[in-house]
Amino acid sequence: MTQSDTGNLVEFLWAKGNRMRSLTVIAGRPVITLVNSTQYIIIDELSREGVSIGRSPVARKQDAKRGRPFGNEAADLIAAGAEKISGGVESGLEATQYRLNGPGVKQEIWVTAGDYELPVEIYRYFRKTASEMRIRYLGWSPGLPIPDWFLEPPADVTLEVVTYEEYIERSKTEPVGPAPPFYAELLHGRRE
């Protein structure tokens, strides 16, 4: 769940290896995002329509370095120089807190103790606008068996298929698909 000065957003996330499914509700519309090795798929669950976008070569290459498609904020902050602040209990879980104070934003993250280092809570304070954002991961279920069909588009969904290059060109002048890509780094890749 994400809370910010602009409102709240609730997402449900599942992953199996580097494949992912999310369900996000925006203005009452359930939007499914599916990511596999080659495609980034966005589906409006009510209209049963969507778009399948070819992922960039950079994003596909970065899959090998990622242990999971989401929940990697701790590794990102630590790589950027975050300091370990404390350990203790956060949201009922043994957790470690890290902090990074940058010129434009203060960031804090609490992650579960142990090998997975799953984020429990992320806090960001944006100095320029004096605004805040808080992301809470309300539950993790490592090892949950997820069938392959759950990570595929339903057969009754009509998908427009576009290449990554077509998506980039069209998105300059018009929306492509029923919603924007919520996990942009999985479509475009991230700057290294």
N, C-alpha and C. Protein backbone atom coordinates (compact mmCIF):
# COMPACT_ATOMS: atom_id res chain seq x y z
N MET A 1 0.85 -1.17 0.00
CA MET A 1 0.00 0.00 0.00
C MET A 1 0.90 1.23 0.00
N THR A 2 0.62 2.17 -0.90
CA THR A 2 1.38 3.41 -0.98
C THR A 2 0.50 4.56 -0.49
N GLN A 3 1.02 5.34 0.45
CA GLN A 3 0.34 6.52 0.93
C GLN A 3 1.20 7.72 0.61
N SER A 4 0.57 8.76 0.06
CA SER A 4 1.31 9.98 -0.24
C SER A 4 0.37 11.16 -0.13
N ASP A 5 0.91 12.34 -0.33
CA ASP A 5 0.10 13.55 -0.28
C ASP A 5 -0.95 13.57 -1.39
N THR A 6 -0.76 12.76 -2.42
CA THR A 6 -1.71 12.75 -3.54
C THR A 6 -2.75 11.63 -3.43
N GLY A 7 -2.66 10.79 -2.40
CA GLY A 7 -3.66 9.75 -2.21
C GLY A 7 -3.04 8.41 -1.88
N ASN A 8 -3.90 7.40 -1.86
CA ASN A 8 -3.47 6.04 -1.52
C ASN A 8 -3.59 5.13 -2.73
N LEU A 9 -2.73 4.13 -2.77
CA LEU A 9 -2.73 3.15 -3.85
C LEU A 9 -2.50 1.78 -3.23
N VAL A 10 -3.35 0.82 -3.58
CA VAL A 10 -3.19 -0.53 -3.08
C VAL A 10 -2.86 -1.44 -4.25
N GLU A 11 -1.80 -2.22 -4.09
CA GLU A 11 -1.37 -3.15 -5.13
C GLU A 11 -1.22 -4.53 -4.51
N PHE A 12 -1.50 -5.54 -5.32
CA PHE A 12 -1.23 -6.92 -4.95
C PHE A 12 -0.17 -7.42 -5.92
N LEU A 13 0.88 -8.05 -5.38
CA LEU A 13 2.03 -8.44 -6.19
C LEU A 13 2.36 -9.92 -5.99
N TRP A 14 2.67 -10.60 -7.11
CA TRP A 14 3.11 -11.98 -7.07
C TRP A 14 4.32 -12.12 -7.99
N ALA A 15 5.24 -13.00 -7.64
CA ALA A 15 6.41 -13.24 -8.49
C ALA A 15 6.80 -14.70 -8.43
N LYS A 16 7.33 -15.15 -9.54
CA LYS A 16 7.90 -16.50 -9.64
C LYS A 16 9.14 -16.33 -10.49
N GLY A 17 10.31 -16.38 -9.84
CA GLY A 17 11.54 -16.04 -10.55
C GLY A 17 11.47 -14.59 -10.98
N ASN A 18 11.76 -14.32 -12.24
CA ASN A 18 11.68 -12.95 -12.75
C ASN A 18 10.32 -12.63 -13.39
N ARG A 19 9.39 -13.55 -13.32
CA ARG A 19 8.04 -13.29 -13.82
C ARG A 19 7.21 -12.67 -12.72
N MET A 20 6.25 -11.82 -13.13
CA MET A 20 5.51 -11.06 -12.14
C MET A 20 4.08 -10.84 -12.58
N ARG A 21 3.20 -10.70 -11.59
CA ARG A 21 1.82 -10.28 -11.81
C ARG A 21 1.49 -9.28 -10.72
N SER A 22 0.81 -8.20 -11.11
CA SER A 22 0.30 -7.27 -10.12
C SER A 22 -1.14 -6.93 -10.44
N LEU A 23 -1.87 -6.57 -9.42
CA LEU A 23 -3.23 -6.06 -9.57
C LEU A 23 -3.27 -4.72 -8.86
N THR A 24 -3.61 -3.68 -9.59
CA THR A 24 -3.68 -2.33 -9.06
C THR A 24 -5.04 -1.77 -9.42
N VAL A 25 -5.70 -1.13 -8.47
CA VAL A 25 -7.00 -0.53 -8.75
C VAL A 25 -6.82 0.98 -8.82
N ILE A 26 -7.21 1.55 -9.96
CA ILE A 26 -7.09 2.99 -10.18
C ILE A 26 -8.46 3.52 -10.58
N ALA A 27 -8.97 4.45 -9.80
CA ALA A 27 -10.28 5.04 -10.07
C ALA A 27 -11.33 3.94 -10.30
N GLY A 28 -11.26 2.89 -9.51
CA GLY A 28 -12.22 1.81 -9.60
C GLY A 28 -11.95 0.78 -10.67
N ARG A 29 -10.92 0.98 -11.48
CA ARG A 29 -10.61 0.05 -12.57
C ARG A 29 -9.47 -0.86 -12.16
N PRO A 30 -9.70 -2.18 -12.14
CA PRO A 30 -8.61 -3.10 -11.84
C PRO A 30 -7.69 -3.27 -13.05
N VAL A 31 -6.41 -3.02 -12.84
CA VAL A 31 -5.42 -3.12 -13.90
C VAL A 31 -4.44 -4.23 -13.53
N ILE A 32 -4.27 -5.18 -14.43
CA ILE A 32 -3.32 -6.27 -14.24
C ILE A 32 -2.05 -5.95 -15.02
N THR A 33 -0.91 -6.12 -14.39
CA THR A 33 0.38 -6.03 -15.07
C THR A 33 1.03 -7.40 -15.01
N LEU A 34 1.47 -7.88 -16.16
CA LEU A 34 2.20 -9.15 -16.25
C LEU A 34 3.55 -8.86 -16.89
N VAL A 35 4.60 -9.43 -16.33
CA VAL A 35 5.93 -9.25 -16.90
C VAL A 35 6.56 -10.63 -17.03
N ASN A 36 7.05 -10.92 -18.23
CA ASN A 36 7.81 -12.15 -18.43
C ASN A 36 9.14 -11.79 -19.08
N SER A 37 9.87 -12.75 -19.58
CA SER A 37 11.21 -12.46 -20.08
C SER A 37 11.22 -11.51 -21.27
N THR A 38 10.16 -11.48 -22.07
CA THR A 38 10.18 -10.65 -23.29
C THR A 38 9.08 -9.58 -23.35
N GLN A 39 8.01 -9.74 -22.58
CA GLN A 39 6.85 -8.85 -22.72
C GLN A 39 6.48 -8.17 -21.41
N TYR A 40 5.98 -6.95 -21.53
CA TYR A 40 5.39 -6.19 -20.43
C TYR A 40 3.93 -5.98 -20.83
N ILE A 41 3.01 -6.57 -20.09
CA ILE A 41 1.61 -6.61 -20.49
C ILE A 41 0.76 -5.84 -19.49
N ILE A 42 -0.12 -4.96 -20.01
CA ILE A 42 -1.02 -4.17 -19.17
C ILE A 42 -2.44 -4.48 -19.62
N ILE A 43 -3.30 -4.90 -18.68
CA ILE A 43 -4.66 -5.32 -19.00
C ILE A 43 -5.67 -4.57 -18.14
N ASP A 44 -6.69 -4.01 -18.77
CA ASP A 44 -7.85 -3.48 -18.06
C ASP A 44 -8.76 -4.69 -17.81
N GLU A 45 -8.89 -5.08 -16.56
CA GLU A 45 -9.62 -6.31 -16.27
C GLU A 45 -11.11 -6.20 -16.57
N LEU A 46 -11.67 -4.99 -16.53
CA LEU A 46 -13.10 -4.83 -16.81
C LEU A 46 -13.40 -4.90 -18.30
N SER A 47 -12.61 -4.22 -19.13
CA SER A 47 -12.87 -4.21 -20.57
C SER A 47 -12.30 -5.45 -21.25
N ARG A 48 -11.40 -6.16 -20.55
CA ARG A 48 -10.72 -7.35 -21.10
C ARG A 48 -9.86 -6.98 -22.30
N GLU A 49 -9.30 -5.77 -22.28
CA GLU A 49 -8.41 -5.29 -23.34
C GLU A 49 -7.09 -4.85 -22.73
N GLY A 50 -6.04 -4.90 -23.55
CA GLY A 50 -4.75 -4.47 -23.03
C GLY A 50 -3.72 -4.35 -24.12
N VAL A 51 -2.49 -4.18 -23.68
CA VAL A 51 -1.36 -4.03 -24.59
C VAL A 51 -0.22 -4.92 -24.12
N SER A 52 0.46 -5.53 -25.07
CA SER A 52 1.65 -6.32 -24.80
C SER A 52 2.82 -5.62 -25.46
N ILE A 53 3.73 -5.11 -24.65
CA ILE A 53 4.85 -4.31 -25.13
C ILE A 53 6.13 -5.14 -25.02
N GLY A 54 6.90 -5.18 -26.07
CA GLY A 54 8.20 -5.84 -26.01
C GLY A 54 9.09 -5.09 -25.02
N ARG A 55 9.75 -5.81 -24.12
CA ARG A 55 10.63 -5.18 -23.15
C ARG A 55 11.94 -4.77 -23.81
N SER A 56 12.54 -3.71 -23.29
CA SER A 56 13.81 -3.24 -23.85
C SER A 56 14.90 -4.27 -23.60
N PRO A 57 15.90 -4.31 -24.47
CA PRO A 57 17.04 -5.21 -24.24
C PRO A 57 17.73 -4.94 -22.90
N VAL A 58 17.78 -3.69 -22.48
CA VAL A 58 18.43 -3.35 -21.20
C VAL A 58 17.66 -3.99 -20.05
N ALA A 59 16.34 -3.86 -20.05
CA ALA A 59 15.53 -4.44 -18.97
C ALA A 59 15.67 -5.95 -18.94
N ARG A 60 15.67 -6.56 -20.11
CA ARG A 60 15.79 -8.02 -20.18
C ARG A 60 17.14 -8.49 -19.65
N LYS A 61 18.19 -7.76 -19.98
CA LYS A 61 19.53 -8.11 -19.50
C LYS A 61 19.62 -7.97 -17.98
N GLN A 62 18.95 -6.96 -17.43
CA GLN A 62 19.02 -6.72 -15.99
C GLN A 62 18.27 -7.78 -15.18
N ASP A 63 17.38 -8.55 -15.81
CA ASP A 63 16.68 -9.62 -15.10
C ASP A 63 17.65 -10.58 -14.43
N ALA A 64 18.77 -10.86 -15.09
CA ALA A 64 19.74 -11.83 -14.56
C ALA A 64 20.35 -11.35 -13.25
N LYS A 65 20.41 -10.03 -13.04
CA LYS A 65 21.01 -9.47 -11.83
C LYS A 65 20.01 -9.34 -10.69
N ARG A 66 18.73 -9.36 -11.02
CA ARG A 66 17.68 -9.16 -10.03
C ARG A 66 17.26 -10.50 -9.44
N GLY A 67 17.14 -10.57 -8.14
CA GLY A 67 16.65 -11.79 -7.52
C GLY A 67 15.15 -11.94 -7.65
N ARG A 68 14.47 -10.81 -7.76
CA ARG A 68 13.01 -10.78 -7.89
C ARG A 68 12.64 -9.49 -8.62
N PRO A 69 11.47 -9.44 -9.25
CA PRO A 69 11.13 -8.26 -10.05
C PRO A 69 10.74 -7.02 -9.23
N PHE A 70 10.41 -7.17 -7.98
CA PHE A 70 10.04 -6.03 -7.14
C PHE A 70 10.54 -6.29 -5.73
N GLY A 71 10.48 -5.28 -4.88
CA GLY A 71 10.94 -5.44 -3.50
C GLY A 71 12.44 -5.38 -3.35
N ASN A 72 13.12 -4.68 -4.25
CA ASN A 72 14.58 -4.58 -4.24
C ASN A 72 15.09 -3.23 -3.73
N GLU A 73 14.22 -2.49 -3.07
CA GLU A 73 14.58 -1.14 -2.64
C GLU A 73 15.75 -1.10 -1.67
N ALA A 74 15.86 -2.10 -0.79
CA ALA A 74 16.96 -2.10 0.18
C ALA A 74 18.31 -2.19 -0.53
N ALA A 75 18.43 -3.10 -1.48
CA ALA A 75 19.69 -3.24 -2.21
C ALA A 75 20.02 -1.95 -2.95
N ASP A 76 19.00 -1.31 -3.51
CA ASP A 76 19.21 -0.05 -4.23
C ASP A 76 19.71 1.04 -3.29
N LEU A 77 19.08 1.17 -2.12
CA LEU A 77 19.49 2.21 -1.17
C LEU A 77 20.88 1.94 -0.61
N ILE A 78 21.16 0.70 -0.29
CA ILE A 78 22.48 0.35 0.24
C ILE A 78 23.55 0.63 -0.81
N ALA A 79 23.28 0.29 -2.06
CA ALA A 79 24.24 0.56 -3.14
C ALA A 79 24.47 2.05 -3.32
N ALA A 80 23.45 2.86 -2.99
CA ALA A 80 23.57 4.32 -3.11
C ALA A 80 24.22 4.95 -1.89
N GLY A 81 24.54 4.13 -0.87
CA GLY A 81 25.24 4.67 0.29
C GLY A 81 24.43 4.76 1.56
N ALA A 82 23.27 4.10 1.63
CA ALA A 82 22.45 4.15 2.85
C ALA A 82 23.20 3.56 4.03
N GLU A 83 22.93 4.12 5.20
CA GLU A 83 23.56 3.64 6.43
C GLU A 83 22.55 2.83 7.23
N LYS A 84 23.07 1.80 7.91
CA LYS A 84 22.23 1.03 8.82
C LYS A 84 21.99 1.89 10.05
N ILE A 85 20.73 2.09 10.40
CA ILE A 85 20.37 2.96 11.52
C ILE A 85 20.06 2.17 12.78
N SER A 86 19.21 1.14 12.62
CA SER A 86 18.80 0.38 13.80
C SER A 86 18.23 -0.96 13.39
N GLY A 87 17.97 -1.76 14.39
CA GLY A 87 17.28 -3.03 14.20
C GLY A 87 16.19 -3.10 15.24
N GLY A 88 15.20 -3.93 15.00
CA GLY A 88 14.11 -4.05 15.95
C GLY A 88 12.90 -4.66 15.29
N VAL A 89 11.75 -4.33 15.81
CA VAL A 89 10.50 -4.86 15.28
C VAL A 89 9.75 -3.76 14.54
N GLU A 90 9.36 -4.02 13.30
CA GLU A 90 8.57 -3.09 12.50
C GLU A 90 7.43 -3.90 11.91
N SER A 91 6.21 -3.44 12.13
CA SER A 91 5.00 -4.13 11.64
C SER A 91 4.98 -5.59 12.08
N GLY A 92 5.48 -5.85 13.29
CA GLY A 92 5.45 -7.20 13.84
C GLY A 92 6.55 -8.12 13.35
N LEU A 93 7.51 -7.60 12.59
CA LEU A 93 8.59 -8.42 12.04
C LEU A 93 9.95 -7.92 12.52
N GLU A 94 10.89 -8.85 12.73
CA GLU A 94 12.27 -8.45 13.01
C GLU A 94 12.79 -7.74 11.77
N ALA A 95 13.26 -6.51 11.95
CA ALA A 95 13.64 -5.71 10.79
C ALA A 95 14.88 -4.88 11.07
N THR A 96 15.52 -4.46 9.98
CA THR A 96 16.66 -3.56 10.03
C THR A 96 16.28 -2.29 9.28
N GLN A 97 16.68 -1.14 9.82
CA GLN A 97 16.36 0.14 9.21
C GLN A 97 17.62 0.74 8.58
N TYR A 98 17.46 1.24 7.34
CA TYR A 98 18.52 1.95 6.63
C TYR A 98 18.03 3.35 6.28
N ARG A 99 18.97 4.30 6.18
CA ARG A 99 18.61 5.68 5.85
C ARG A 99 19.61 6.24 4.85
N LEU A 100 19.08 7.00 3.91
CA LEU A 100 19.91 7.72 2.95
C LEU A 100 19.40 9.16 2.88
N ASN A 101 20.26 10.10 3.24
CA ASN A 101 19.92 11.52 3.17
C ASN A 101 20.57 12.11 1.93
N GLY A 102 19.77 12.38 0.93
CA GLY A 102 20.28 13.00 -0.28
C GLY A 102 19.87 14.46 -0.32
N PRO A 103 20.40 15.22 -1.28
CA PRO A 103 20.09 16.64 -1.34
C PRO A 103 18.61 16.93 -1.60
N GLY A 104 17.92 16.06 -2.33
CA GLY A 104 16.52 16.32 -2.65
C GLY A 104 15.53 15.47 -1.90
N VAL A 105 16.02 14.37 -1.33
CA VAL A 105 15.09 13.43 -0.70
C VAL A 105 15.76 12.69 0.46
N LYS A 106 15.01 12.51 1.52
CA LYS A 106 15.43 11.66 2.63
C LYS A 106 14.68 10.35 2.46
N GLN A 107 15.40 9.23 2.52
CA GLN A 107 14.77 7.92 2.33
C GLN A 107 15.13 7.01 3.48
N GLU A 108 14.13 6.29 3.95
CA GLU A 108 14.35 5.29 4.99
C GLU A 108 13.64 4.01 4.56
N ILE A 109 14.22 2.88 4.93
CA ILE A 109 13.61 1.60 4.61
C ILE A 109 13.83 0.65 5.77
N TRP A 110 12.79 -0.13 6.07
CA TRP A 110 12.87 -1.20 7.03
C TRP A 110 12.74 -2.49 6.24
N VAL A 111 13.67 -3.42 6.44
CA VAL A 111 13.64 -4.70 5.72
C VAL A 111 13.70 -5.83 6.73
N THR A 112 13.12 -6.97 6.34
CA THR A 112 13.13 -8.13 7.23
C THR A 112 14.55 -8.61 7.44
N ALA A 113 14.79 -9.12 8.63
CA ALA A 113 16.08 -9.72 8.93
C ALA A 113 16.18 -11.05 8.17
N GLY A 114 17.38 -11.44 7.82
CA GLY A 114 17.56 -12.71 7.13
C GLY A 114 17.99 -12.53 5.69
N ASP A 115 18.01 -13.63 4.98
CA ASP A 115 18.54 -13.65 3.62
C ASP A 115 17.72 -12.86 2.61
N TYR A 116 16.40 -12.88 2.75
CA TYR A 116 15.55 -12.26 1.73
C TYR A 116 15.61 -10.73 1.74
N GLU A 117 15.80 -10.12 2.92
CA GLU A 117 15.75 -8.66 3.07
C GLU A 117 14.55 -8.08 2.33
N LEU A 118 13.36 -8.52 2.72
CA LEU A 118 12.12 -8.05 2.11
C LEU A 118 11.73 -6.72 2.73
N PRO A 119 11.35 -5.75 1.90
CA PRO A 119 10.95 -4.46 2.47
C PRO A 119 9.65 -4.59 3.26
N VAL A 120 9.63 -3.92 4.40
CA VAL A 120 8.44 -3.86 5.23
C VAL A 120 7.80 -2.49 5.08
N GLU A 121 8.64 -1.45 5.13
CA GLU A 121 8.15 -0.08 4.97
C GLU A 121 9.24 0.78 4.34
N ILE A 122 8.80 1.67 3.46
CA ILE A 122 9.70 2.62 2.80
C ILE A 122 9.12 4.01 3.03
N TYR A 123 9.96 4.94 3.43
CA TYR A 123 9.52 6.31 3.67
C TYR A 123 10.41 7.24 2.84
N ARG A 124 9.77 8.18 2.16
CA ARG A 124 10.51 9.19 1.40
C ARG A 124 9.95 10.58 1.72
N TYR A 125 10.86 11.50 1.99
CA TYR A 125 10.49 12.90 2.22
C TYR A 125 11.17 13.72 1.14
N PHE A 126 10.37 14.42 0.34
CA PHE A 126 10.87 15.22 -0.78
C PHE A 126 11.00 16.66 -0.30
N ARG A 127 12.23 17.13 -0.17
CA ARG A 127 12.49 18.44 0.43
C ARG A 127 11.91 19.59 -0.38
N LYS A 128 12.04 19.55 -1.68
CA LYS A 128 11.60 20.67 -2.52
C LYS A 128 10.11 20.96 -2.36
N THR A 129 9.31 19.91 -2.26
CA THR A 129 7.86 20.08 -2.17
C THR A 129 7.33 19.84 -0.76
N ALA A 130 8.22 19.47 0.16
CA ALA A 130 7.83 19.13 1.54
C ALA A 130 6.72 18.08 1.55
N SER A 131 6.81 17.12 0.63
CA SER A 131 5.80 16.07 0.55
C SER A 131 6.40 14.73 0.98
N GLU A 132 5.53 13.84 1.39
CA GLU A 132 5.95 12.54 1.87
C GLU A 132 5.30 11.42 1.08
N MET A 133 5.98 10.27 1.07
CA MET A 133 5.40 9.06 0.50
C MET A 133 5.81 7.91 1.40
N ARG A 134 4.87 7.04 1.68
CA ARG A 134 5.14 5.88 2.52
C ARG A 134 4.58 4.64 1.82
N ILE A 135 5.43 3.64 1.66
CA ILE A 135 5.02 2.37 1.06
C ILE A 135 5.10 1.31 2.15
N ARG A 136 3.99 0.60 2.34
CA ARG A 136 3.97 -0.48 3.32
C ARG A 136 3.68 -1.79 2.59
N TYR A 137 4.56 -2.74 2.77
CA TYR A 137 4.31 -4.10 2.27
C TYR A 137 3.60 -4.82 3.41
N LEU A 138 2.35 -5.17 3.19
CA LEU A 138 1.52 -5.68 4.28
C LEU A 138 1.66 -7.18 4.49
N GLY A 139 2.27 -7.88 3.60
CA GLY A 139 2.45 -9.30 3.82
C GLY A 139 3.31 -9.93 2.74
N TRP A 140 4.21 -10.77 3.14
CA TRP A 140 5.04 -11.52 2.21
C TRP A 140 4.78 -13.00 2.43
N SER A 141 4.78 -13.77 1.36
CA SER A 141 4.61 -15.22 1.45
C SER A 141 5.66 -15.92 0.60
N PRO A 142 6.94 -15.84 1.00
CA PRO A 142 7.97 -16.53 0.22
C PRO A 142 7.66 -18.03 0.13
N GLY A 143 7.87 -18.58 -1.03
CA GLY A 143 7.62 -20.00 -1.22
C GLY A 143 6.19 -20.35 -1.59
N LEU A 144 5.32 -19.34 -1.71
CA LEU A 144 3.94 -19.60 -2.12
C LEU A 144 3.94 -20.22 -3.51
N PRO A 145 3.32 -21.39 -3.68
CA PRO A 145 3.29 -22.00 -5.02
C PRO A 145 2.38 -21.19 -5.95
N ILE A 146 2.94 -20.75 -7.07
CA ILE A 146 2.19 -19.96 -8.05
C ILE A 146 2.18 -20.74 -9.36
N PRO A 147 0.99 -21.11 -9.84
CA PRO A 147 0.95 -21.85 -11.11
C PRO A 147 1.31 -20.94 -12.28
N ASP A 148 1.92 -21.51 -13.31
CA ASP A 148 2.34 -20.73 -14.48
C ASP A 148 1.20 -19.97 -15.14
N TRP A 149 0.01 -20.58 -15.20
CA TRP A 149 -1.12 -19.92 -15.87
C TRP A 149 -1.47 -18.58 -15.23
N PHE A 150 -1.18 -18.43 -13.92
CA PHE A 150 -1.49 -17.20 -13.20
C PHE A 150 -0.64 -16.02 -13.70
N LEU A 151 0.49 -16.33 -14.32
CA LEU A 151 1.41 -15.31 -14.81
C LEU A 151 1.27 -15.09 -16.32
N GLU A 152 0.21 -15.62 -16.90
CA GLU A 152 -0.08 -15.46 -18.33
C GLU A 152 -1.36 -14.65 -18.50
N PRO A 153 -1.51 -13.95 -19.64
CA PRO A 153 -2.77 -13.22 -19.87
C PRO A 153 -3.92 -14.20 -20.07
N PRO A 154 -5.09 -13.90 -19.51
CA PRO A 154 -6.24 -14.77 -19.73
C PRO A 154 -6.57 -14.87 -21.22
N ALA A 155 -7.08 -16.02 -21.63
CA ALA A 155 -7.36 -16.28 -23.05
C ALA A 155 -8.41 -15.34 -23.63
N ASP A 156 -9.31 -14.82 -22.81
CA ASP A 156 -10.39 -13.96 -23.34
C ASP A 156 -10.01 -12.48 -23.41
N VAL A 157 -8.75 -12.15 -23.16
CA VAL A 157 -8.29 -10.76 -23.23
C VAL A 157 -7.77 -10.46 -24.63
N THR A 158 -8.18 -9.32 -25.18
CA THR A 158 -7.68 -8.86 -26.48
C THR A 158 -6.47 -7.97 -26.23
N LEU A 159 -5.34 -8.38 -26.79
CA LEU A 159 -4.09 -7.63 -26.59
C LEU A 159 -3.61 -7.02 -27.90
N GLU A 160 -3.29 -5.73 -27.85
CA GLU A 160 -2.57 -5.09 -28.94
C GLU A 160 -1.09 -5.37 -28.68
N VAL A 161 -0.38 -5.87 -29.68
CA VAL A 161 1.04 -6.19 -29.52
C VAL A 161 1.87 -5.10 -30.20
N VAL A 162 2.79 -4.51 -29.44
CA VAL A 162 3.68 -3.48 -29.99
C VAL A 162 5.11 -3.77 -29.58
N THR A 163 6.04 -3.38 -30.42
CA THR A 163 7.45 -3.51 -30.06
C THR A 163 7.80 -2.41 -29.07
N TYR A 164 8.94 -2.54 -28.44
CA TYR A 164 9.40 -1.51 -27.51
C TYR A 164 9.57 -0.18 -28.24
N GLU A 165 10.16 -0.23 -29.43
CA GLU A 165 10.39 0.99 -30.21
C GLU A 165 9.06 1.65 -30.61
N GLU A 166 8.08 0.85 -31.01
CA GLU A 166 6.75 1.41 -31.34
C GLU A 166 6.12 2.06 -30.12
N TYR A 167 6.26 1.41 -28.97
CA TYR A 167 5.71 1.97 -27.74
C TYR A 167 6.33 3.34 -27.43
N ILE A 168 7.66 3.42 -27.52
CA ILE A 168 8.35 4.67 -27.21
C ILE A 168 7.86 5.79 -28.14
N GLU A 169 7.77 5.52 -29.42
CA GLU A 169 7.32 6.54 -30.39
C GLU A 169 5.88 6.97 -30.11
N ARG A 170 4.98 6.01 -29.98
CA ARG A 170 3.57 6.34 -29.77
C ARG A 170 3.32 7.03 -28.45
N SER A 171 4.06 6.64 -27.42
CA SER A 171 3.81 7.21 -26.09
C SER A 171 4.20 8.69 -26.02
N LYS A 172 4.93 9.17 -27.01
CA LYS A 172 5.27 10.60 -27.06
C LYS A 172 4.05 11.45 -27.39
N THR A 173 3.06 10.86 -28.07
CA THR A 173 1.92 11.64 -28.53
C THR A 173 0.57 11.14 -28.02
N GLU A 174 0.52 9.92 -27.47
CA GLU A 174 -0.77 9.38 -27.03
C GLU A 174 -0.55 8.29 -25.98
N PRO A 175 -1.56 8.05 -25.16
CA PRO A 175 -1.46 6.91 -24.24
C PRO A 175 -1.45 5.60 -25.02
N VAL A 176 -0.66 4.67 -24.57
CA VAL A 176 -0.60 3.35 -25.20
C VAL A 176 -1.07 2.35 -24.16
N GLY A 177 -2.20 1.73 -24.40
CA GLY A 177 -2.75 0.76 -23.46
C GLY A 177 -3.65 1.40 -22.44
N PRO A 178 -4.23 0.57 -21.58
CA PRO A 178 -5.24 1.05 -20.63
C PRO A 178 -4.69 1.81 -19.43
N ALA A 179 -3.38 1.73 -19.20
CA ALA A 179 -2.75 2.41 -18.06
C ALA A 179 -1.26 2.53 -18.37
N PRO A 180 -0.58 3.43 -17.67
CA PRO A 180 0.87 3.52 -17.88
C PRO A 180 1.57 2.33 -17.25
N PRO A 181 2.82 2.08 -17.64
CA PRO A 181 3.58 1.00 -16.99
C PRO A 181 3.95 1.42 -15.56
N PHE A 182 3.40 0.73 -14.58
CA PHE A 182 3.65 1.08 -13.18
C PHE A 182 5.04 0.67 -12.72
N TYR A 183 5.66 -0.26 -13.39
CA TYR A 183 6.98 -0.77 -13.01
C TYR A 183 7.94 -0.48 -14.17
N ALA A 184 8.20 0.80 -14.38
CA ALA A 184 8.93 1.26 -15.55
C ALA A 184 10.29 0.60 -15.72
N GLU A 185 10.97 0.30 -14.63
CA GLU A 185 12.31 -0.32 -14.77
C GLU A 185 12.21 -1.71 -15.37
N LEU A 186 11.06 -2.38 -15.24
CA LEU A 186 10.91 -3.70 -15.84
C LEU A 186 10.61 -3.61 -17.33
N LEU A 187 10.16 -2.46 -17.80
CA LEU A 187 9.94 -2.22 -19.23
C LEU A 187 11.18 -1.61 -19.88
N HIS A 188 11.70 -0.55 -19.28
CA HIS A 188 12.80 0.22 -19.88
C HIS A 188 14.19 -0.21 -19.39
N GLY A 189 14.25 -0.78 -18.20
CA GLY A 189 15.54 -1.00 -17.55
C GLY A 189 15.86 0.22 -16.71
N ARG A 190 16.84 0.08 -15.87
CA ARG A 190 17.24 1.22 -15.05
C ARG A 190 18.62 1.67 -15.42
N ARG A 191 18.86 2.95 -15.19
CA ARG A 191 20.19 3.49 -15.47
C ARG A 191 21.18 2.91 -14.49
N GLU A 192 22.33 2.53 -14.98
CA GLU A 192 23.36 1.98 -14.09
C GLU A 192 24.56 2.88 -14.05
